[in-house]
């Protein structure tokens, strides 16, 4: 039995499709650029810094391969991942990128793992290559006509029997709700379009980002009509002493900002029981951002399992259909947050997720 079925908690792992070449990345960064490019060339930047992180069982896969996607699905289902949340790019007026893997999943009917879409509604910058000030593709919002076109483009996915649902409603996640103008208009229009097309509505989820626990970027999800908000915070223990140390080492040694990993859910959640939880096995985006990155040190599958148990337990007071545990991520290798097997821990991250969710009922 999958771990998620033990407690009724459904783990949903964000899924990055940037593991195949596309003309835009060839033009921006050179022929053949994928997420593996930065991942494989990463190097330690301070004593004890664990880099590079390299894949084990699945290897340096190409997401144009159905066999690679099938192997991911098999692993996900084996360890209790209920669904992949595919990052979905719609820059306005039909401009898309990296859509091929999901389009093939949809058209082929395979693999069987459930899925939903997560709209990465943010301009593409040079963050992929350590040049965040460079705008590559501008995110735009074209108003009602463009919102309708966007809905029509994703409607076939909403109708797929594999699509993740809450009370029959397809789940749709928005990465930067604070950047979406006229949020009420968007929410109301998409809900009406869903009903007009024979759906019972949508389950719209807004990200509430508070990366290091300093302040939430956006928190008006309920007032704006969203069905849920997801608390996004890296598992870092941030103290004044650690901040002072970082200021000193960044200036004198050019070390990236770094904090120790914590599994203290009460500390990380800040008591926000109105938000769905999101858990990270690790975080280290220096493969992308170099010395300007952020590193969480000391992460292990054991610590991640403890975090998963606490976060999953926090969902048990919700209606059964809304017990979603968001996991960042399935395969964000260049951000250091992934569940896929690696050369350091093998299947350790997947085992930690499975065991942590299974333990949630026992401690509830």
Protein backbone atom coordinates (compact mmCIF):
# COMPACT_ATOMS: atom_id res chain seq x y z
CA UNK A 1 0.00 0.00 0.00
CA UNK A 2 1.35 3.47 -0.90
CA UNK A 3 2.36 5.52 2.12
CA UNK A 4 -0.04 8.32 1.27
CA UNK A 5 -2.98 5.95 1.60
CA UNK A 6 -2.07 5.05 5.17
CA UNK A 7 -2.91 8.47 6.58
CA UNK A 8 -4.93 9.86 3.69
CA UNK A 9 -2.15 12.38 3.00
CA UNK A 10 -1.35 12.85 -0.69
CA UNK A 11 2.22 13.95 -1.47
CA UNK A 12 2.40 16.16 -4.58
CA UNK A 13 5.93 16.74 -5.93
CA UNK A 14 6.81 19.70 -8.13
CA UNK A 15 8.28 18.52 -11.42
CA UNK A 16 10.72 20.49 -13.59
CA UNK A 17 10.55 19.74 -17.34
CA UNK A 18 13.91 21.40 -18.20
CA UNK A 19 15.72 18.14 -18.95
CA UNK A 20 15.72 18.30 -22.73
CA UNK A 21 17.20 20.81 -25.16
CA UNK A 22 14.99 23.58 -26.56
CA UNK A 23 15.88 26.29 -29.10
CA UNK A 24 15.50 29.06 -26.52
CA UNK A 25 18.03 27.55 -24.13
CA UNK A 26 20.36 26.75 -27.01
CA UNK A 27 20.23 30.43 -27.93
CA UNK A 28 20.54 31.75 -24.37
CA UNK A 29 23.20 29.40 -22.99
CA UNK A 30 24.67 27.30 -25.79
CA UNK A 31 23.77 24.16 -27.70
CA UNK A 32 22.37 21.32 -25.62
CA UNK A 33 21.80 23.26 -22.40
CA UNK A 34 19.51 21.51 -19.91
CA UNK A 35 19.17 21.38 -16.13
CA UNK A 36 21.97 18.80 -16.14
CA UNK A 37 24.47 21.35 -17.48
CA UNK A 38 24.63 23.37 -14.27
CA UNK A 39 24.06 20.32 -12.06
CA UNK A 40 27.07 18.37 -13.31
CA UNK A 41 29.55 21.24 -13.25
CA UNK A 42 28.79 22.37 -9.69
CA UNK A 43 31.71 22.43 -7.23
CA UNK A 44 32.07 22.91 -3.44
CA UNK A 45 32.37 26.57 -2.47
CA UNK A 46 33.22 26.27 1.24
CA UNK A 47 34.43 23.55 3.62
CA UNK A 48 31.79 20.84 4.02
CA UNK A 49 29.77 22.01 1.01
CA UNK A 50 28.35 18.90 -0.71
CA UNK A 51 28.55 19.32 -4.47
CA UNK A 52 27.97 18.09 -7.08
CA UNK A 53 24.77 16.10 -6.56
CA UNK A 54 24.63 13.41 -9.21
CA UNK A 55 21.82 11.03 -10.25
CA UNK A 56 21.92 7.29 -9.58
CA UNK A 57 19.27 4.90 -10.98
CA UNK A 58 17.74 7.20 -13.59
CA UNK A 59 21.02 8.69 -14.82
CA UNK A 60 21.23 11.92 -16.83
CA UNK A 61 17.88 11.31 -18.50
CA UNK A 62 16.30 13.17 -21.40
CA UNK A 63 12.58 13.88 -20.90
CA UNK A 64 11.89 13.38 -24.57
CA UNK A 65 12.24 9.68 -23.77
CA UNK A 66 9.00 7.89 -22.80
CA UNK A 67 11.12 5.28 -20.99
CA UNK A 68 12.60 7.96 -18.72
CA UNK A 69 9.16 9.31 -17.88
CA UNK A 70 7.87 5.80 -17.21
CA UNK A 71 10.77 5.06 -14.85
CA UNK A 72 10.02 8.25 -12.92
CA UNK A 73 6.38 7.27 -12.63
CA UNK A 74 7.27 3.80 -11.39
CA UNK A 75 9.50 5.23 -8.66
CA UNK A 76 6.94 7.82 -7.64
CA UNK A 77 4.17 5.26 -7.25
CA UNK A 78 6.47 2.79 -5.47
CA UNK A 79 7.25 5.34 -2.76
CA UNK A 80 3.83 6.92 -2.37
CA UNK A 81 4.09 10.13 -4.41
CA UNK A 82 0.48 10.77 -5.39
CA UNK A 83 1.09 13.24 -8.21
CA UNK A 84 3.59 15.34 -10.10
CA UNK A 85 2.90 19.08 -10.28
CA UNK A 86 4.40 19.91 -13.67
CA UNK A 87 5.77 23.43 -13.94
CA UNK A 88 3.80 25.02 -16.75
CA UNK A 89 4.91 28.13 -18.65
CA UNK A 90 2.47 30.55 -20.24
CA UNK A 91 4.05 33.94 -20.83
CA UNK A 92 0.96 35.48 -22.42
CA UNK A 93 -0.45 35.48 -25.95
CA UNK A 94 0.22 31.77 -26.29
CA UNK A 95 3.97 31.96 -25.65
CA UNK A 96 5.11 28.72 -24.03
CA UNK A 97 8.33 26.83 -23.37
CA UNK A 98 9.39 23.36 -22.14
CA UNK A 99 5.90 22.06 -22.87
CA UNK A 100 6.96 18.93 -24.79
CA UNK A 101 7.30 16.41 -21.91
CA UNK A 102 3.88 17.14 -20.46
CA UNK A 103 2.25 17.37 -23.91
CA UNK A 104 3.52 13.86 -24.64
CA UNK A 105 2.36 12.57 -21.25
CA UNK A 106 -1.09 13.94 -22.05
CA UNK A 107 -1.34 12.73 -25.62
CA UNK A 108 0.10 9.25 -25.00
CA UNK A 109 -1.92 8.43 -21.87
CA UNK A 110 1.31 7.32 -20.19
CA UNK A 111 2.74 7.16 -17.57
CA UNK A 112 0.01 6.47 -15.04
CA UNK A 113 1.14 8.66 -12.13
CA UNK A 114 -1.35 11.45 -11.45
CA UNK A 115 -0.48 15.05 -12.28
CA UNK A 116 -1.55 18.65 -12.04
CA UNK A 117 -0.23 21.88 -13.51
CA UNK A 118 1.65 24.62 -11.66
CA UNK A 119 1.78 27.91 -13.53
CA UNK A 120 5.29 29.39 -13.22
CA UNK A 121 4.03 32.89 -13.93
CA UNK A 122 7.32 34.74 -13.72
CA UNK A 123 9.67 36.25 -16.28
CA UNK A 124 12.55 34.01 -17.31
CA UNK A 125 15.83 35.61 -16.31
CA UNK A 126 19.46 34.53 -16.33
CA UNK A 127 19.05 32.78 -12.98
CA UNK A 128 19.53 29.49 -14.88
CA UNK A 129 23.09 30.56 -15.64
CA UNK A 130 24.10 32.86 -12.77
CA UNK A 131 22.94 36.05 -14.55
CA UNK A 132 19.69 37.00 -12.77
CA UNK A 133 19.61 40.55 -14.15
CA UNK A 134 19.17 39.35 -17.73
CA UNK A 135 15.53 39.09 -18.85
CA UNK A 136 15.11 36.32 -21.41
CA UNK A 137 11.34 35.94 -21.73
CA UNK A 138 9.01 38.52 -20.23
CA UNK A 139 5.91 37.33 -18.38
CA UNK A 140 2.90 39.29 -19.57
CA UNK A 141 -0.80 39.32 -18.72
CA UNK A 142 -3.18 40.05 -21.55
CA UNK A 143 -6.40 40.34 -19.60
CA UNK A 144 -9.63 38.35 -20.11
CA UNK A 145 -9.01 37.30 -23.70
CA UNK A 146 -5.60 35.90 -22.86
CA UNK A 147 -6.94 34.24 -19.71
CA UNK A 148 -9.54 32.48 -21.88
CA UNK A 149 -6.88 31.33 -24.33
CA UNK A 150 -4.80 30.02 -21.46
CA UNK A 151 -7.76 28.10 -20.03
CA UNK A 152 -8.57 26.56 -23.40
CA UNK A 153 -4.95 25.43 -23.74
CA UNK A 154 -5.01 23.51 -20.46
CA UNK A 155 -8.61 22.25 -20.60
CA UNK A 156 -7.61 18.90 -22.19
CA UNK A 157 -5.37 18.27 -19.18
CA UNK A 158 -8.17 19.10 -16.74
CA UNK A 159 -10.34 16.47 -18.45
CA UNK A 160 -7.71 13.72 -18.23
CA UNK A 161 -8.64 10.94 -15.80
CA UNK A 162 -5.12 11.11 -14.28
CA UNK A 163 -5.49 14.76 -13.31
CA UNK A 164 -5.23 15.44 -9.55
CA UNK A 165 -8.55 16.55 -8.09
CA UNK A 166 -10.01 17.78 -4.82
CA UNK A 167 -13.73 17.01 -4.51
CA UNK A 168 -13.78 16.38 -8.25
CA UNK A 169 -12.19 19.75 -9.06
CA UNK A 170 -8.89 19.84 -10.99
CA UNK A 171 -6.05 21.35 -8.95
CA UNK A 172 -4.23 24.32 -10.52
CA UNK A 173 -1.29 25.95 -8.70
CA UNK A 174 -0.09 29.53 -9.22
CA UNK A 175 3.54 30.28 -8.39
CA UNK A 176 3.40 34.07 -8.05
CA UNK A 177 -0.21 35.10 -7.32
CA UNK A 178 1.03 38.51 -6.16
CA UNK A 179 2.18 39.27 -9.72
CA UNK A 180 -1.16 38.35 -11.28
CA UNK A 181 -3.12 41.56 -11.93
CA UNK A 182 -6.85 41.59 -11.21
CA UNK A 183 -6.69 38.28 -9.36
CA UNK A 184 -10.43 38.26 -8.69
CA UNK A 185 -11.09 38.59 -12.41
CA UNK A 186 -8.79 35.67 -13.21
CA UNK A 187 -10.24 33.43 -10.47
CA UNK A 188 -13.86 34.21 -11.30
CA UNK A 189 -13.33 33.81 -15.04
CA UNK A 190 -11.54 30.46 -14.76
CA UNK A 191 -14.15 29.11 -12.36
CA UNK A 192 -16.92 30.12 -14.74
CA UNK A 193 -15.09 28.66 -17.74
CA UNK A 194 -14.58 25.40 -15.86
CA UNK A 195 -18.29 25.11 -15.11
CA UNK A 196 -19.22 26.12 -18.65
CA UNK A 197 -17.08 23.22 -19.88
CA UNK A 198 -18.72 20.60 -17.69
CA UNK A 199 -16.31 20.64 -14.75
CA UNK A 200 -17.52 21.14 -11.17
CA UNK A 201 -15.08 24.04 -10.87
CA UNK A 202 -11.36 24.27 -10.16
CA UNK A 203 -9.37 23.91 -6.96
CA UNK A 204 -7.09 26.94 -7.26
CA UNK A 205 -3.97 26.99 -5.10
CA UNK A 206 -1.79 30.04 -4.45
CA UNK A 207 1.82 29.97 -3.32
CA UNK A 208 2.51 31.88 -0.09
CA UNK A 209 6.26 32.37 -0.27
CA UNK A 210 8.29 33.20 2.83
CA UNK A 211 11.59 31.66 1.86
CA UNK A 212 13.61 32.37 5.02
CA UNK A 213 10.80 33.22 7.43
CA UNK A 214 11.22 36.99 7.26
CA UNK A 215 7.84 37.91 5.80
CA UNK A 216 5.35 36.35 3.39
CA UNK A 217 5.44 37.81 -0.09
CA UNK A 218 1.69 37.27 -0.47
CA UNK A 219 -0.98 36.13 1.96
CA UNK A 220 -4.37 37.28 0.59
CA UNK A 221 -5.20 33.97 -1.07
CA UNK A 222 -8.58 33.52 0.64
CA UNK A 223 -9.72 37.08 0.00
CA UNK A 224 -8.70 36.75 -3.64
CA UNK A 225 -10.85 33.65 -4.08
CA UNK A 226 -8.23 30.91 -4.03
CA UNK A 227 -9.22 27.62 -2.46
CA UNK A 228 -5.91 27.12 -0.65
CA UNK A 229 -2.49 28.60 -0.03
CA UNK A 230 0.77 26.66 0.23
CA UNK A 231 3.44 27.77 2.68
CA UNK A 232 6.81 27.85 0.90
CA UNK A 233 9.76 28.11 3.28
CA UNK A 234 13.12 26.39 3.06
CA UNK A 235 14.00 24.25 6.11
CA UNK A 236 16.65 26.65 7.39
CA UNK A 237 17.38 27.61 10.99
CA UNK A 238 17.90 31.36 10.65
CA UNK A 239 19.35 33.09 13.70
CA UNK A 240 20.95 36.50 14.23
CA UNK A 241 24.27 34.77 14.84
CA UNK A 242 23.97 32.88 11.54
CA UNK A 243 23.07 36.06 9.68
CA UNK A 244 26.09 37.86 11.16
CA UNK A 245 28.35 34.94 10.24
CA UNK A 246 27.01 35.01 6.68
CA UNK A 247 27.65 38.73 6.32
CA UNK A 248 31.26 38.19 7.40
CA UNK A 249 32.00 35.11 5.28
CA UNK A 250 30.30 36.51 2.19
CA UNK A 251 32.40 39.66 2.41
CA UNK A 252 35.77 38.16 3.33
CA UNK A 253 35.66 34.64 1.85
CA UNK A 254 32.93 35.00 -0.80
CA UNK A 255 31.05 32.00 0.58
CA UNK A 256 27.40 31.67 -0.42
CA UNK A 257 24.79 32.35 2.24
CA UNK A 258 24.21 29.18 4.25
CA UNK A 259 22.12 27.98 7.20
CA UNK A 260 21.71 24.62 8.93
CA UNK A 261 18.81 22.30 8.06
CA UNK A 262 16.01 22.06 10.62
CA UNK A 263 13.13 19.60 11.00
CA UNK A 264 11.41 21.78 13.60
CA UNK A 265 7.95 22.06 12.05
CA UNK A 266 6.60 24.42 14.71
CA UNK A 267 9.44 26.82 13.92
CA UNK A 268 9.09 26.51 10.14
CA UNK A 269 5.29 26.71 9.98
CA UNK A 270 5.06 29.72 12.25
CA UNK A 271 1.75 28.40 13.51
CA UNK A 272 0.04 28.98 10.13
CA UNK A 273 -2.53 26.19 10.19
CA UNK A 274 -4.50 27.94 7.43
CA UNK A 275 -1.82 26.99 4.88
CA UNK A 276 -1.01 23.69 3.24
CA UNK A 277 2.52 22.50 4.04
CA UNK A 278 5.45 22.15 1.68
CA UNK A 279 8.56 20.15 2.60
CA UNK A 280 12.07 20.21 1.18
CA UNK A 281 14.64 17.43 1.37
CA UNK A 282 17.39 20.00 0.81
CA UNK A 283 18.17 23.32 -0.84
CA UNK A 284 21.32 24.43 -2.66
CA UNK A 285 20.98 26.59 -5.75
CA UNK A 286 24.71 27.30 -6.17
CA UNK A 287 24.80 25.19 -9.36
CA UNK A 288 22.71 27.99 -10.86
CA UNK A 289 23.73 31.04 -8.84
CA UNK A 290 27.28 30.27 -7.74
CA UNK A 291 28.49 32.32 -4.81
CA UNK A 292 25.25 34.32 -4.88
CA UNK A 293 23.27 31.19 -4.04
CA UNK A 294 21.69 29.91 -0.84
CA UNK A 295 22.75 26.63 0.79
CA UNK A 296 21.08 24.58 3.50
CA UNK A 297 23.72 22.48 5.24
CA UNK A 298 23.46 19.16 7.08
CA UNK A 299 20.38 17.77 5.36
CA UNK A 300 19.89 14.00 5.59
CA UNK A 301 17.07 11.60 4.76
CA UNK A 302 16.54 11.06 8.50
CA UNK A 303 15.97 14.78 9.11
CA UNK A 304 13.73 14.98 6.06
CA UNK A 305 11.67 12.02 7.32
CA UNK A 306 11.08 13.81 10.63
CA UNK A 307 10.02 16.96 8.79
CA UNK A 308 7.65 15.00 6.56
CA UNK A 309 6.05 13.30 9.56
CA UNK A 310 5.36 16.59 11.29
CA UNK A 311 4.14 18.37 8.16
CA UNK A 312 1.93 15.46 7.08
CA UNK A 313 0.44 15.29 10.57
CA UNK A 314 -0.49 18.96 10.31
CA UNK A 315 -2.84 18.14 7.41
CA UNK A 316 -4.90 15.52 9.26
CA UNK A 317 -7.37 18.07 10.61
CA UNK A 318 -8.33 19.01 7.06
CA UNK A 319 -11.08 17.35 5.04
CA UNK A 320 -9.73 14.11 3.58
CA UNK A 321 -9.61 15.41 0.00
CA UNK A 322 -7.55 18.45 1.05
CA UNK A 323 -4.75 16.58 2.79
CA UNK A 324 -2.16 17.56 0.21
CA UNK A 325 1.51 17.58 1.19
CA UNK A 326 3.48 19.57 -1.35
CA UNK A 327 7.07 18.45 -1.91
CA UNK A 328 9.71 20.65 -3.45
CA UNK A 329 10.71 18.86 -5.54
CA UNK A 330 10.80 15.68 -7.59
CA UNK A 331 13.76 16.73 -9.75
CA UNK A 332 15.09 20.26 -9.15
CA UNK A 333 18.67 19.04 -9.28
CA UNK A 334 20.29 22.45 -9.77
CA UNK A 335 18.45 23.75 -6.70
CA UNK A 336 19.49 20.73 -4.64
CA UNK A 337 15.90 19.73 -3.89
CA UNK A 338 14.94 16.42 -5.44
CA UNK A 339 13.53 13.02 -4.47
CA UNK A 340 15.08 11.03 -7.29
CA UNK A 341 17.87 8.59 -6.35
CA UNK A 342 21.35 10.11 -6.10
CA UNK A 343 24.85 8.74 -5.64
CA UNK A 344 25.07 9.91 -2.02
CA UNK A 345 21.88 8.52 -0.46
CA UNK A 346 20.49 6.16 -3.09
CA UNK A 347 16.72 5.93 -2.54
CA UNK A 348 17.06 7.67 0.83
CA UNK A 349 14.94 10.74 0.04
CA UNK A 350 12.13 8.61 -1.38
CA UNK A 351 12.25 6.24 1.58
CA UNK A 352 12.14 9.21 3.95
CA UNK A 353 9.03 10.59 2.25
CA UNK A 354 7.28 7.21 2.31
CA UNK A 355 8.18 6.51 5.93
CA UNK A 356 7.42 10.03 7.12
CA UNK A 357 3.93 10.03 5.63
CA UNK A 358 3.25 6.55 6.99
CA UNK A 359 4.29 7.70 10.47
CA UNK A 360 1.97 10.72 10.40
CA UNK A 361 -1.10 8.78 11.51
CA UNK A 362 0.82 7.23 14.38
CA UNK A 363 1.81 10.58 15.91
CA UNK A 364 -1.46 12.38 15.17
